[in-house]
Amino acid sequence: MTGPWQVRAWLARGLRGAGRLPRGVGRWVLAGCAALLLVLVSVVLGHRAADADGFTPVPQLLAFLPWLLLPAALGLLLAALARWPLGCAWALAVLLATGWYLQPYEGAGAGGPSGPVVARPRVLSANLEYGQATDGLLAALRRERPDLVAVQECDHRCVTALEAPALRAAYPYRNIAAGGPAEGSAILSVYPLRNEPGVPGSLAMPGARALIAGRWVRVQVAHPMPPIPGELDVWRAELARLRAYAERRGDAPTLIAGDFNATQDHAAFRRLLDTGLRDSARLAGASRTPSWPTLTTPLLGAQIDHVLVSDAWSARAARFVDLPRTDHRALLVDLELHG
């Protein structure tokens, strides 16, 4: 049997061994752990620098690029404990590069509005997670009174709620694409709508033209497939269709709102911004505010819910609203349309 004195001897030997970690084998272990962390972060940063999304797990990690500061900092600490100068220099370079990419992305060709303000619509975008947050959406509509609403993951129960007489009175114009719990989407509007088919996708993305202050404004819901393993090509293709929609807008004021399943660190999303669209949350000073997943927001997460606008718009304010029973925070934006 093992006696207490043997246990104490093992603990003493273990503590003495821990004291020798920075030397010999211990230093190699620390350096190896630092290298593994830095390789992981460097691969993600390399794709960001190369303007590419790569393959799993790179697109998934790109969504959380700001939080790669944590493994990079841990890598620096381990390299310092291992007294590995090259590793320390590597970690510092990784930290600086990550910090550089934290800057808000300004799309190529993006410009500001000109002319007087002719309307100040409030826009709400909400992903209901299979319709579970329908009651929370209805409460938010009563409380916040948005003028345009983009709804994603609107199931049949959600559609029924949106067709209720009270909501029809508040939002007499709508384009609802019914579907399964994840596929359904909708546009609600206080402004007259001319419904359009929208951008084709695995999940419904209806579109419309809204008559605001005498101007026809293009309104489009965004809900491409998420970049999950096995669906990366679909995710890229559907973001590319949204980009093609933005490129065809001409001089018409344009607004694309929804769950893009992408952040500014994804090359496919930046190409959409390069059409001249701007992220209203960034314009309002809320860049990188996490919107998903609600389990860890606002401390940790990714901003994948956006309201993108053309240069006819400016943003006065943007905030993320918590709805019960969904893994997304809704985005509420106060916009100004310039004539």
C-alpha atoms as a PDB file:
ATOM      1  CA  MET A   1       0.000   0.000   0.000  1.00  0.00           C
ATOM      2  CA  THR A   2       1.041   3.574  -0.595  1.00  0.00           C
ATOM      3  CA  GLY A   3       1.656   5.387   2.647  1.00  0.00           C
ATOM      4  CA  PRO A   4       1.327   9.087   3.366  1.00  0.00           C
ATOM      5  CA  TRP A   5       5.095   9.475   3.439  1.00  0.00           C
ATOM      6  CA  GLN A   6       5.321   8.147  -0.139  1.00  0.00           C
ATOM      7  CA  VAL A   7       2.697  10.626  -1.325  1.00  0.00           C
ATOM      8  CA  ARG A   8       4.603  13.479   0.295  1.00  0.00           C
ATOM      9  CA  ALA A   9       7.825  12.297  -1.383  1.00  0.00           C
ATOM     10  CA  TRP A  10       6.166  12.230  -4.819  1.00  0.00           C
ATOM     11  CA  LEU A  11       4.778  15.730  -4.300  1.00  0.00           C
ATOM     12  CA  ALA A  12       8.185  17.006  -3.229  1.00  0.00           C
ATOM     13  CA  ARG A  13       9.854  15.477  -6.280  1.00  0.00           C
ATOM     14  CA  GLY A  14       7.137  16.980  -8.500  1.00  0.00           C
ATOM     15  CA  LEU A  15       7.625  20.446  -7.043  1.00  0.00           C
ATOM     16  CA  ARG A  16      11.376  20.205  -7.441  1.00  0.00           C
ATOM     17  CA  GLY A  17      10.829  19.124 -11.061  1.00  0.00           C
ATOM     18  CA  ALA A  18       8.487  22.055 -11.659  1.00  0.00           C
ATOM     19  CA  GLY A  19      11.189  24.375 -10.388  1.00  0.00           C
ATOM     20  CA  ARG A  20      13.487  23.077 -13.099  1.00  0.00           C
ATOM     21  CA  LEU A  21      10.949  23.591 -15.953  1.00  0.00           C
ATOM     22  CA  PRO A  22      12.687  26.618 -17.492  1.00  0.00           C
ATOM     23  CA  ARG A  23      15.785  24.488 -18.098  1.00  0.00           C
ATOM     24  CA  GLY A  24      16.464  21.469 -20.260  1.00  0.00           C
ATOM     25  CA  VAL A  25      13.422  19.477 -21.309  1.00  0.00           C
ATOM     26  CA  GLY A  26      11.078  21.923 -19.583  1.00  0.00           C
ATOM     27  CA  ARG A  27      12.254  24.742 -21.814  1.00  0.00           C
ATOM     28  CA  TRP A  28      11.624  22.628 -24.920  1.00  0.00           C
ATOM     29  CA  VAL A  29       8.118  21.815 -23.697  1.00  0.00           C
ATOM     30  CA  LEU A  30       7.334  25.500 -23.108  1.00  0.00           C
ATOM     31  CA  ALA A  31       8.813  26.479 -26.470  1.00  0.00           C
ATOM     32  CA  GLY A  32       6.851  23.742 -28.233  1.00  0.00           C
ATOM     33  CA  CYS A  33       3.573  24.868 -26.687  1.00  0.00           C
ATOM     34  CA  ALA A  34       4.345  28.470 -27.663  1.00  0.00           C
ATOM     35  CA  ALA A  35       5.139  27.405 -31.233  1.00  0.00           C
ATOM     36  CA  LEU A  36       1.862  25.484 -31.565  1.00  0.00           C
ATOM     37  CA  LEU A  37      -0.158  28.514 -30.473  1.00  0.00           C
ATOM     38  CA  LEU A  38       1.776  30.874 -32.728  1.00  0.00           C
ATOM     39  CA  VAL A  39       1.498  28.568 -35.748  1.00  0.00           C
ATOM     40  CA  LEU A  40      -2.286  28.460 -35.299  1.00  0.00           C
ATOM     41  CA  VAL A  41      -2.607  32.242 -35.097  1.00  0.00           C
ATOM     42  CA  SER A  42      -0.091  32.788 -37.899  1.00  0.00           C
ATOM     43  CA  VAL A  43      -2.021  30.535 -40.292  1.00  0.00           C
ATOM     44  CA  VAL A  44      -5.204  32.539 -39.685  1.00  0.00           C
ATOM     45  CA  LEU A  45      -3.366  35.853 -40.030  1.00  0.00           C
ATOM     46  CA  GLY A  46      -1.680  34.621 -43.202  1.00  0.00           C
ATOM     47  CA  HIS A  47      -5.076  34.022 -44.804  1.00  0.00           C
ATOM     48  CA  ARG A  48      -6.238  37.450 -43.638  1.00  0.00           C
ATOM     49  CA  ALA A  49      -3.178  39.074 -45.197  1.00  0.00           C
ATOM     50  CA  ALA A  50      -3.599  37.056 -48.406  1.00  0.00           C
ATOM     51  CA  ASP A  51      -7.264  38.168 -48.680  1.00  0.00           C
ATOM     52  CA  ALA A  52      -8.408  34.548 -48.618  1.00  0.00           C
ATOM     53  CA  ASP A  53     -10.772  32.531 -46.434  1.00  0.00           C
ATOM     54  CA  GLY A  54      -9.169  29.139 -46.917  1.00  0.00           C
ATOM     55  CA  PHE A  55     -10.706  25.943 -45.640  1.00  0.00           C
ATOM     56  CA  THR A  56     -11.893  24.621 -42.285  1.00  0.00           C
ATOM     57  CA  PRO A  57     -10.985  25.661 -39.615  1.00  0.00           C
ATOM     58  CA  VAL A  58      -9.654  28.961 -41.022  1.00  0.00           C
ATOM     59  CA  PRO A  59     -12.998  30.612 -41.941  1.00  0.00           C
ATOM     60  CA  GLN A  60     -14.430  29.680 -38.559  1.00  0.00           C
ATOM     61  CA  LEU A  61     -11.408  31.129 -36.724  1.00  0.00           C
ATOM     62  CA  LEU A  62     -11.381  34.273 -38.890  1.00  0.00           C
ATOM     63  CA  ALA A  63     -14.789  35.136 -37.420  1.00  0.00           C
ATOM     64  CA  PHE A  64     -13.097  35.449 -34.031  1.00  0.00           C
ATOM     65  CA  LEU A  65      -9.886  37.133 -35.192  1.00  0.00           C
ATOM     66  CA  PRO A  66      -9.829  39.798 -32.417  1.00  0.00           C
ATOM     67  CA  TRP A  67      -9.825  37.058 -29.801  1.00  0.00           C
ATOM     68  CA  LEU A  68      -6.692  35.501 -31.298  1.00  0.00           C
ATOM     69  CA  LEU A  69      -4.883  38.108 -29.212  1.00  0.00           C
ATOM     70  CA  LEU A  70      -5.342  35.718 -26.271  1.00  0.00           C
ATOM     71  CA  PRO A  71      -3.438  32.690 -27.678  1.00  0.00           C
ATOM     72  CA  ALA A  72      -0.851  35.072 -29.153  1.00  0.00           C
ATOM     73  CA  ALA A  73      -0.281  36.652 -25.728  1.00  0.00           C
ATOM     74  CA  LEU A  74      -0.080  33.206 -24.140  1.00  0.00           C
ATOM     75  CA  GLY A  75       2.450  32.213 -26.774  1.00  0.00           C
ATOM     76  CA  LEU A  76       4.550  35.270 -25.863  1.00  0.00           C
ATOM     77  CA  LEU A  77       4.413  34.331 -22.179  1.00  0.00           C
ATOM     78  CA  LEU A  78       5.463  30.732 -22.848  1.00  0.00           C
ATOM     79  CA  ALA A  79       8.270  31.847 -25.180  1.00  0.00           C
ATOM     80  CA  ALA A  80       9.544  34.226 -22.493  1.00  0.00           C
ATOM     81  CA  LEU A  81       9.463  31.465 -19.849  1.00  0.00           C
ATOM     82  CA  ALA A  82      11.355  29.211 -22.242  1.00  0.00           C
ATOM     83  CA  ARG A  83      13.894  32.006 -22.837  1.00  0.00           C
ATOM     84  CA  TRP A  84      13.347  31.648 -26.598  1.00  0.00           C
ATOM     85  CA  PRO A  85      14.235  34.992 -28.239  1.00  0.00           C
ATOM     86  CA  LEU A  86      13.031  34.014 -31.705  1.00  0.00           C
ATOM     87  CA  GLY A  87       9.725  32.871 -30.256  1.00  0.00           C
ATOM     88  CA  CYS A  88       9.333  36.154 -28.381  1.00  0.00           C
ATOM     89  CA  ALA A  89       9.953  38.101 -31.589  1.00  0.00           C
ATOM     90  CA  TRP A  90       7.488  35.875 -33.466  1.00  0.00           C
ATOM     91  CA  ALA A  91       4.815  36.385 -30.798  1.00  0.00           C
ATOM     92  CA  LEU A  92       5.288  40.160 -30.817  1.00  0.00           C
ATOM     93  CA  ALA A  93       4.951  40.225 -34.607  1.00  0.00           C
ATOM     94  CA  VAL A  94       1.745  38.172 -34.372  1.00  0.00           C
ATOM     95  CA  LEU A  95       0.327  40.499 -31.716  1.00  0.00           C
ATOM     96  CA  LEU A  96       1.119  43.574 -33.808  1.00  0.00           C
ATOM     97  CA  ALA A  97      -0.404  42.054 -36.950  1.00  0.00           C
ATOM     98  CA  THR A  98      -3.575  41.056 -35.097  1.00  0.00           C
ATOM     99  CA  GLY A  99      -3.841  44.544 -33.640  1.00  0.00           C
ATOM    100  CA  TRP A 100      -3.437  46.036 -37.118  1.00  0.00           C
ATOM    101  CA  TYR A 101      -6.365  44.018 -38.460  1.00  0.00           C
ATOM    102  CA  LEU A 102      -8.619  45.157 -35.620  1.00  0.00           C
ATOM    103  CA  GLN A 103      -9.094  48.443 -37.465  1.00  0.00           C
ATOM    104  CA  PRO A 104     -12.523  48.837 -39.082  1.00  0.00           C
ATOM    105  CA  TYR A 105     -12.399  47.853 -42.748  1.00  0.00           C
ATOM    106  CA  GLU A 106     -13.103  50.638 -45.209  1.00  0.00           C
ATOM    107  CA  GLY A 107     -14.283  49.078 -48.444  1.00  0.00           C
ATOM    108  CA  ALA A 108     -12.745  50.167 -51.711  1.00  0.00           C
ATOM    109  CA  GLY A 109     -14.757  52.906 -53.366  1.00  0.00           C
ATOM    110  CA  ALA A 110     -16.884  53.620 -50.302  1.00  0.00           C
ATOM    111  CA  GLY A 111     -18.001  57.243 -50.163  1.00  0.00           C
ATOM    112  CA  GLY A 112     -20.162  59.455 -48.029  1.00  0.00           C
ATOM    113  CA  PRO A 113     -23.619  60.875 -48.688  1.00  0.00           C
ATOM    114  CA  SER A 114     -24.336  64.239 -50.222  1.00  0.00           C
ATOM    115  CA  GLY A 115     -27.454  66.363 -50.296  1.00  0.00           C
ATOM    116  CA  PRO A 116     -29.996  67.134 -47.581  1.00  0.00           C
ATOM    117  CA  VAL A 117     -31.560  64.520 -45.324  1.00  0.00           C
ATOM    118  CA  VAL A 118     -34.989  63.574 -46.685  1.00  0.00           C
ATOM    119  CA  ALA A 119     -35.927  60.689 -44.356  1.00  0.00           C
ATOM    120  CA  ARG A 120     -34.785  59.109 -41.095  1.00  0.00           C
ATOM    121  CA  PRO A 121     -35.914  55.463 -41.108  1.00  0.00           C
ATOM    122  CA  ARG A 122     -35.187  53.104 -38.238  1.00  0.00           C
ATOM    123  CA  VAL A 123     -34.133  49.615 -39.372  1.00  0.00           C
ATOM    124  CA  LEU A 124     -34.226  46.390 -37.348  1.00  0.00           C
ATOM    125  CA  SER A 125     -32.588  43.113 -38.377  1.00  0.00           C
ATOM    126  CA  ALA A 126     -33.294  40.004 -36.298  1.00  0.00           C
ATOM    127  CA  ASN A 127     -32.440  36.309 -36.604  1.00  0.00           C
ATOM    128  CA  LEU A 128     -35.073  34.410 -34.597  1.00  0.00           C
ATOM    129  CA  GLU A 129     -33.237  31.041 -34.407  1.00  0.00           C
ATOM    130  CA  TYR A 130     -35.851  28.769 -35.973  1.00  0.00           C
ATOM    131  CA  GLY A 131     -38.640  31.164 -34.984  1.00  0.00           C
ATOM    132  CA  GLN A 132     -38.088  30.666 -31.263  1.00  0.00           C
ATOM    133  CA  ALA A 133     -37.671  34.416 -30.633  1.00  0.00           C
ATOM    134  CA  THR A 134     -40.953  35.402 -32.330  1.00  0.00           C
ATOM    135  CA  ASP A 135     -42.450  36.762 -29.095  1.00  0.00           C
ATOM    136  CA  GLY A 136     -39.270  38.738 -28.416  1.00  0.00           C
ATOM    137  CA  LEU A 137     -39.420  40.204 -31.922  1.00  0.00           C
ATOM    138  CA  LEU A 138     -43.048  41.302 -31.454  1.00  0.00           C
ATOM    139  CA  ALA A 139     -42.130  42.970 -28.158  1.00  0.00           C
ATOM    140  CA  ALA A 140     -39.171  44.727 -29.808  1.00  0.00           C
ATOM    141  CA  LEU A 141     -41.400  45.980 -32.639  1.00  0.00           C
ATOM    142  CA  ARG A 142     -43.833  47.488 -30.135  1.00  0.00           C
ATOM    143  CA  ARG A 143     -41.022  49.008 -28.078  1.00  0.00           C
ATOM    144  CA  GLU A 144     -38.601  50.239 -30.751  1.00  0.00           C
ATOM    145  CA  ARG A 145     -41.053  51.001 -33.606  1.00  0.00           C
ATOM    146  CA  PRO A 146     -38.678  50.400 -36.541  1.00  0.00           C
ATOM    147  CA  ASP A 147     -39.812  51.475 -40.006  1.00  0.00           C
ATOM    148  CA  LEU A 148     -38.128  48.624 -41.896  1.00  0.00           C
ATOM    149  CA  VAL A 149     -37.642  45.123 -40.477  1.00  0.00           C
ATOM    150  CA  ALA A 150     -35.543  42.271 -41.871  1.00  0.00           C
ATOM    151  CA  VAL A 151     -36.372  38.929 -40.249  1.00  0.00           C
ATOM    152  CA  GLN A 152     -34.381  35.726 -40.659  1.00  0.00           C
ATOM    153  CA  GLU A 153     -35.252  32.162 -39.582  1.00  0.00           C
ATOM    154  CA  CYS A 154     -38.961  32.939 -39.524  1.00  0.00           C
ATOM    155  CA  ASP A 155     -40.816  29.627 -39.164  1.00  0.00           C
ATOM    156  CA  HIS A 156     -44.529  29.015 -39.764  1.00  0.00           C
ATOM    157  CA  ARG A 157     -45.431  30.222 -36.264  1.00  0.00           C
ATOM    158  CA  CYS A 158     -43.494  33.416 -36.979  1.00  0.00           C
ATOM    159  CA  VAL A 159     -45.321  33.876 -40.297  1.00  0.00           C
ATOM    160  CA  THR A 160     -48.661  33.484 -38.535  1.00  0.00           C
ATOM    161  CA  ALA A 161     -47.667  36.113 -35.971  1.00  0.00           C
ATOM    162  CA  LEU A 162     -46.553  38.532 -38.691  1.00  0.00           C
ATOM    163  CA  GLU A 163     -49.894  38.121 -40.461  1.00  0.00           C
ATOM    164  CA  ALA A 164     -51.903  39.034 -37.340  1.00  0.00           C
ATOM    165  CA  PRO A 165     -54.264  42.013 -37.877  1.00  0.00           C
ATOM    166  CA  ALA A 166     -52.525  44.234 -35.310  1.00  0.00           C
ATOM    167  CA  LEU A 167     -49.150  43.751 -36.961  1.00  0.00           C
ATOM    168  CA  ARG A 168     -50.663  44.205 -40.419  1.00  0.00           C
ATOM    169  CA  ALA A 169     -51.981  47.549 -39.262  1.00  0.00           C
ATOM    170  CA  ALA A 170     -48.543  48.587 -37.994  1.00  0.00           C
ATOM    171  CA  TYR A 171     -46.695  47.198 -41.050  1.00  0.00           C
ATOM    172  CA  PRO A 172     -49.115  47.155 -43.974  1.00  0.00           C
ATOM    173  CA  TYR A 173     -46.389  46.358 -46.507  1.00  0.00           C
ATOM    174  CA  ARG A 174     -44.413  43.122 -46.376  1.00  0.00           C
ATOM    175  CA  ASN A 175     -42.630  40.460 -48.386  1.00  0.00           C
ATOM    176  CA  ILE A 176     -42.700  37.145 -46.527  1.00  0.00           C
ATOM    177  CA  ALA A 177     -40.868  34.084 -47.850  1.00  0.00           C
ATOM    178  CA  ALA A 178     -42.282  31.197 -45.846  1.00  0.00           C
ATOM    179  CA  GLY A 179     -40.195  28.098 -45.304  1.00  0.00           C
ATOM    180  CA  GLY A 180     -38.821  25.731 -42.719  1.00  0.00           C
ATOM    181  CA  PRO A 181     -37.590  26.917 -39.325  1.00  0.00           C
ATOM    182  CA  ALA A 182     -34.259  28.139 -40.759  1.00  0.00           C
ATOM    183  CA  GLU A 183     -35.334  28.970 -44.321  1.00  0.00           C
ATOM    184  CA  GLY A 184     -38.106  31.542 -43.798  1.00  0.00           C
ATOM    185  CA  SER A 185     -37.406  35.291 -44.007  1.00  0.00           C
ATOM    186  CA  ALA A 186     -39.445  38.468 -44.195  1.00  0.00           C
ATOM    187  CA  ILE A 187     -39.386  42.201 -44.869  1.00  0.00           C
ATOM    188  CA  LEU A 188     -41.856  44.397 -42.957  1.00  0.00           C
ATOM    189  CA  SER A 189     -42.285  48.049 -43.856  1.00  0.00           C
ATOM    190  CA  VAL A 190     -44.292  51.156 -43.054  1.00  0.00           C
ATOM    191  CA  TYR A 191     -43.324  52.375 -46.524  1.00  0.00           C
ATOM    192  CA  PRO A 192     -44.987  51.139 -49.713  1.00  0.00           C
ATOM    193  CA  LEU A 193     -43.146  48.138 -51.144  1.00  0.00           C
ATOM    194  CA  ARG A 194     -42.710  46.763 -54.619  1.00  0.00           C
ATOM    195  CA  ASN A 195     -41.785  43.141 -53.918  1.00  0.00           C
ATOM    196  CA  GLU A 196     -38.950  41.443 -55.793  1.00  0.00           C
ATOM    197  CA  PRO A 197     -37.699  37.832 -55.827  1.00  0.00           C
ATOM    198  CA  GLY A 198     -34.502  38.768 -54.036  1.00  0.00           C
ATOM    199  CA  VAL A 199     -31.169  36.962 -54.070  1.00  0.00           C
ATOM    200  CA  PRO A 200     -31.430  33.172 -54.513  1.00  0.00           C
ATOM    201  CA  GLY A 201     -30.000  31.049 -51.734  1.00  0.00           C
ATOM    202  CA  SER A 202     -30.417  27.900 -49.668  1.00  0.00           C
ATOM    203  CA  LEU A 203     -32.134  30.088 -47.070  1.00  0.00           C
ATOM    204  CA  ALA A 204     -34.756  32.579 -48.286  1.00  0.00           C
ATOM    205  CA  MET A 205     -33.474  36.099 -48.975  1.00  0.00           C
ATOM    206  CA  PRO A 206     -36.437  38.178 -50.185  1.00  0.00           C
ATOM    207  CA  GLY A 207     -36.020  41.629 -51.688  1.00  0.00           C
ATOM    208  CA  ALA A 208     -38.141  44.687 -52.391  1.00  0.00           C
ATOM    209  CA  ARG A 209     -38.116  48.335 -53.383  1.00  0.00           C
ATOM    210  CA  ALA A 210     -39.420  50.717 -50.739  1.00  0.00           C
ATOM    211  CA  LEU A 211     -40.818  54.127 -51.597  1.00  0.00           C
ATOM    212  CA  ILE A 212     -39.176  56.469 -49.076  1.00  0.00           C
ATOM    213  CA  ALA A 213     -39.515  60.243 -49.420  1.00  0.00           C
ATOM    214  CA  GLY A 214     -40.412  59.853 -53.073  1.00  0.00           C
ATOM    215  CA  ARG A 215     -37.400  57.640 -53.891  1.00  0.00           C
ATOM    216  CA  TRP A 216     -37.403  53.944 -54.647  1.00  0.00           C
ATOM    217  CA  VAL A 217     -34.918  52.312 -52.283  1.00  0.00           C
ATOM    218  CA  ARG A 218     -33.617  48.779 -52.818  1.00  0.00           C
ATOM    219  CA  VAL A 219     -34.077  46.592 -49.718  1.00  0.00           C
ATOM    220  CA  GLN A 220     -32.602  43.098 -49.493  1.00  0.00           C
ATOM    221  CA  VAL A 221     -32.515  40.490 -46.722  1.00  0.00           C
ATOM    222  CA  ALA A 222     -29.177  38.685 -46.274  1.00  0.00           C
ATOM    223  CA  HIS A 223     -28.964  35.155 -44.910  1.00  0.00           C
ATOM    224  CA  PRO A 224     -26.310  33.080 -46.682  1.00  0.00           C
ATOM    225  CA  MET A 225     -25.442  29.628 -45.422  1.00  0.00           C
ATOM    226  CA  PRO A 226     -22.991  29.636 -42.494  1.00  0.00           C
ATOM    227  CA  PRO A 227     -19.384  28.590 -43.203  1.00  0.00           C
ATOM    228  CA  ILE A 228     -19.699  25.141 -41.680  1.00  0.00           C
ATOM    229  CA  PRO A 229     -17.587  22.208 -42.880  1.00  0.00           C
ATOM    230  CA  GLY A 230     -19.005  20.876 -46.111  1.00  0.00           C
ATOM    231  CA  GLU A 231     -20.864  24.117 -46.906  1.00  0.00           C
ATOM    232  CA  LEU A 232     -17.981  26.529 -47.507  1.00  0.00           C
ATOM    233  CA  ASP A 233     -18.526  26.617 -51.276  1.00  0.00           C
ATOM    234  CA  VAL A 234     -22.220  27.408 -50.754  1.00  0.00           C
ATOM    235  CA  TRP A 235     -21.336  30.147 -48.248  1.00  0.00           C
ATOM    236  CA  ARG A 236     -18.887  31.735 -50.702  1.00  0.00           C
ATOM    237  CA  ALA A 237     -21.307  31.449 -53.628  1.00  0.00           C
ATOM    238  CA  GLU A 238     -24.200  33.066 -51.755  1.00  0.00           C
ATOM    239  CA  LEU A 239     -22.056  35.941 -50.497  1.00  0.00           C
ATOM    240  CA  ALA A 240     -20.904  36.370 -54.102  1.00  0.00           C
ATOM    241  CA  ARG A 241     -24.567  36.634 -55.186  1.00  0.00           C
ATOM    242  CA  LEU A 242     -25.125  39.346 -52.604  1.00  0.00           C
ATOM    243  CA  ARG A 243     -22.086  41.120 -54.006  1.00  0.00           C
ATOM    244  CA  ALA A 244     -23.493  40.847 -57.538  1.00  0.00           C
ATOM    245  CA  TYR A 245     -26.781  42.321 -56.273  1.00  0.00           C
ATOM    246  CA  ALA A 246     -24.855  45.258 -54.771  1.00  0.00           C
ATOM    247  CA  GLU A 247     -22.911  45.779 -57.999  1.00  0.00           C
ATOM    248  CA  ARG A 248     -26.154  46.001 -60.001  1.00  0.00           C
ATOM    249  CA  ARG A 249     -27.712  48.680 -57.791  1.00  0.00           C
ATOM    250  CA  GLY A 250     -26.795  51.601 -60.046  1.00  0.00           C
ATOM    251  CA  ASP A 251     -27.708  54.945 -58.473  1.00  0.00           C
ATOM    252  CA  ALA A 252     -30.580  53.563 -56.398  1.00  0.00           C
ATOM    253  CA  PRO A 253     -30.176  53.893 -52.618  1.00  0.00           C
ATOM    254  CA  THR A 254     -29.564  50.366 -51.348  1.00  0.00           C
ATOM    255  CA  LEU A 255     -29.866  48.620 -47.986  1.00  0.00           C
ATOM    256  CA  ILE A 256     -28.924  44.985 -47.284  1.00  0.00           C
ATOM    257  CA  ALA A 257     -29.757  43.761 -43.778  1.00  0.00           C
ATOM    258  CA  GLY A 258     -29.522  40.417 -42.071  1.00  0.00           C
ATOM    259  CA  ASP A 259     -27.359  37.620 -40.762  1.00  0.00           C
ATOM    260  CA  PHE A 260     -24.432  37.521 -43.181  1.00  0.00           C
ATOM    261  CA  ASN A 261     -22.673  34.695 -41.313  1.00  0.00           C
ATOM    262  CA  ALA A 262     -19.487  36.673 -41.965  1.00  0.00           C
ATOM    263  CA  THR A 263     -17.372  39.400 -40.388  1.00  0.00           C
ATOM    264  CA  GLN A 264     -15.063  42.027 -41.826  1.00  0.00           C
ATOM    265  CA  ASP A 265     -12.228  39.521 -41.448  1.00  0.00           C
ATOM    266  CA  HIS A 266     -13.727  37.249 -44.112  1.00  0.00           C
ATOM    267  CA  ALA A 267     -12.497  37.999 -47.618  1.00  0.00           C
ATOM    268  CA  ALA A 268     -15.911  37.138 -49.112  1.00  0.00           C
ATOM    269  CA  PHE A 269     -17.553  39.814 -46.937  1.00  0.00           C
ATOM    270  CA  ARG A 270     -14.886  42.418 -47.690  1.00  0.00           C
ATOM    271  CA  ARG A 271     -15.521  41.912 -51.414  1.00  0.00           C
ATOM    272  CA  LEU A 272     -19.131  42.844 -50.731  1.00  0.00           C
ATOM    273  CA  LEU A 273     -17.973  46.035 -48.979  1.00  0.00           C
ATOM    274  CA  ASP A 274     -15.679  46.749 -51.920  1.00  0.00           C
ATOM    275  CA  THR A 275     -18.769  47.435 -54.051  1.00  0.00           C
ATOM    276  CA  GLY A 276     -19.058  50.727 -52.133  1.00  0.00           C
ATOM    277  CA  LEU A 277     -21.436  49.533 -49.423  1.00  0.00           C
ATOM    278  CA  ARG A 278     -20.701  50.578 -45.856  1.00  0.00           C
ATOM    279  CA  ASP A 279     -21.447  48.867 -42.560  1.00  0.00           C
ATOM    280  CA  SER A 280     -23.871  51.065 -40.620  1.00  0.00           C
ATOM    281  CA  ALA A 281     -22.653  49.732 -37.255  1.00  0.00           C
ATOM    282  CA  ARG A 282     -19.152  50.898 -38.127  1.00  0.00           C
ATOM    283  CA  LEU A 283     -20.477  54.288 -39.251  1.00  0.00           C
ATOM    284  CA  ALA A 284     -22.234  54.637 -35.899  1.00  0.00           C
ATOM    285  CA  GLY A 285     -19.155  53.654 -33.873  1.00  0.00           C
ATOM    286  CA  ALA A 286     -20.239  50.089 -33.037  1.00  0.00           C
ATOM    287  CA  SER A 287     -17.726  48.234 -35.190  1.00  0.00           C
ATOM    288  CA  ARG A 288     -16.885  44.723 -33.952  1.00  0.00           C
ATOM    289  CA  THR A 289     -19.617  44.713 -31.299  1.00  0.00           C
ATOM    290  CA  PRO A 290     -20.393  40.963 -31.052  1.00  0.00           C
ATOM    291  CA  SER A 291     -23.836  39.872 -32.197  1.00  0.00           C
ATOM    292  CA  TRP A 292     -23.374  36.081 -32.009  1.00  0.00           C
ATOM    293  CA  PRO A 293     -23.470  33.800 -30.060  1.00  0.00           C
ATOM    294  CA  THR A 294     -25.564  35.333 -27.295  1.00  0.00           C
ATOM    295  CA  LEU A 295     -24.227  32.730 -24.859  1.00  0.00           C
ATOM    296  CA  THR A 296     -20.961  34.690 -24.677  1.00  0.00           C
ATOM    297  CA  THR A 297     -21.831  38.163 -25.997  1.00  0.00           C
ATOM    298  CA  PRO A 298     -21.055  40.952 -25.431  1.00  0.00           C
ATOM    299  CA  LEU A 299     -17.758  39.793 -23.882  1.00  0.00           C
ATOM    300  CA  LEU A 300     -16.863  37.277 -26.576  1.00  0.00           C
ATOM    301  CA  GLY A 301     -18.316  36.717 -30.004  1.00  0.00           C
ATOM    302  CA  ALA A 302     -18.406  37.860 -33.622  1.00  0.00           C
ATOM    303  CA  GLN A 303     -20.348  40.585 -35.409  1.00  0.00           C
ATOM    304  CA  ILE A 304     -22.048  38.633 -38.173  1.00  0.00           C
ATOM    305  CA  ASP A 305     -25.316  40.624 -38.232  1.00  0.00           C
ATOM    306  CA  HIS A 306     -25.060  43.762 -40.351  1.00  0.00           C
ATOM    307  CA  VAL A 307     -27.019  46.514 -42.058  1.00  0.00           C
ATOM    308  CA  LEU A 308     -25.057  47.540 -45.150  1.00  0.00           C
ATOM    309  CA  VAL A 309     -25.922  50.792 -46.911  1.00  0.00           C
ATOM    310  CA  SER A 310     -24.931  52.586 -50.099  1.00  0.00           C
ATOM    311  CA  ASP A 311     -23.513  56.111 -50.187  1.00  0.00           C
ATOM    312  CA  ALA A 312     -26.987  57.675 -50.132  1.00  0.00           C
ATOM    313  CA  TRP A 313     -27.199  56.808 -46.435  1.00  0.00           C
ATOM    314  CA  SER A 314     -25.613  57.914 -43.189  1.00  0.00           C
ATOM    315  CA  ALA A 315     -26.035  56.313 -39.759  1.00  0.00           C
ATOM    316  CA  ARG A 316     -26.968  58.270 -36.648  1.00  0.00           C
ATOM    317  CA  ALA A 317     -26.946  55.400 -34.145  1.00  0.00           C
ATOM    318  CA  ALA A 318     -26.671  51.623 -33.922  1.00  0.00           C
ATOM    319  CA  ARG A 319     -27.202  49.270 -31.023  1.00  0.00           C
ATOM    320  CA  PHE A 320     -27.593  45.559 -30.494  1.00  0.00           C
ATOM    321  CA  VAL A 321     -30.777  44.393 -28.804  1.00  0.00           C
ATOM    322  CA  ASP A 322     -31.060  41.155 -26.838  1.00  0.00           C
ATOM    323  CA  LEU A 323     -34.085  39.027 -27.740  1.00  0.00           C
ATOM    324  CA  PRO A 324     -34.948  35.961 -25.648  1.00  0.00           C
ATOM    325  CA  ARG A 325     -34.546  32.463 -27.114  1.00  0.00           C
ATOM    326  CA  THR A 326     -32.224  33.254 -29.998  1.00  0.00           C
ATOM    327  CA  ASP A 327     -28.470  32.933 -30.417  1.00  0.00           C
ATOM    328  CA  HIS A 328     -28.289  36.297 -32.243  1.00  0.00           C
ATOM    329  CA  ARG A 329     -28.606  39.827 -30.967  1.00  0.00           C
ATOM    330  CA  ALA A 330     -30.877  41.972 -33.108  1.00  0.00           C
ATOM    331  CA  LEU A 331     -29.357  45.055 -34.741  1.00  0.00           C
ATOM    332  CA  LEU A 332     -31.263  48.350 -34.544  1.00  0.00           C
ATOM    333  CA  VAL A 333     -29.971  51.203 -36.709  1.00  0.00           C
ATOM    334  CA  ASP A 334     -31.156  54.782 -37.108  1.00  0.00           C
ATOM    335  CA  LEU A 335     -30.366  55.855 -40.677  1.00  0.00           C
ATOM    336  CA  GLU A 336     -30.606  59.035 -42.687  1.00  0.00           C
ATOM    337  CA  LEU A 337     -31.467  59.028 -46.375  1.00  0.00           C
ATOM    338  CA  HIS A 338     -29.939  61.903 -48.305  1.00  0.00           C
ATOM    339  CA  GLY A 339     -31.679  63.354 -51.322  1.00  0.00           C
END
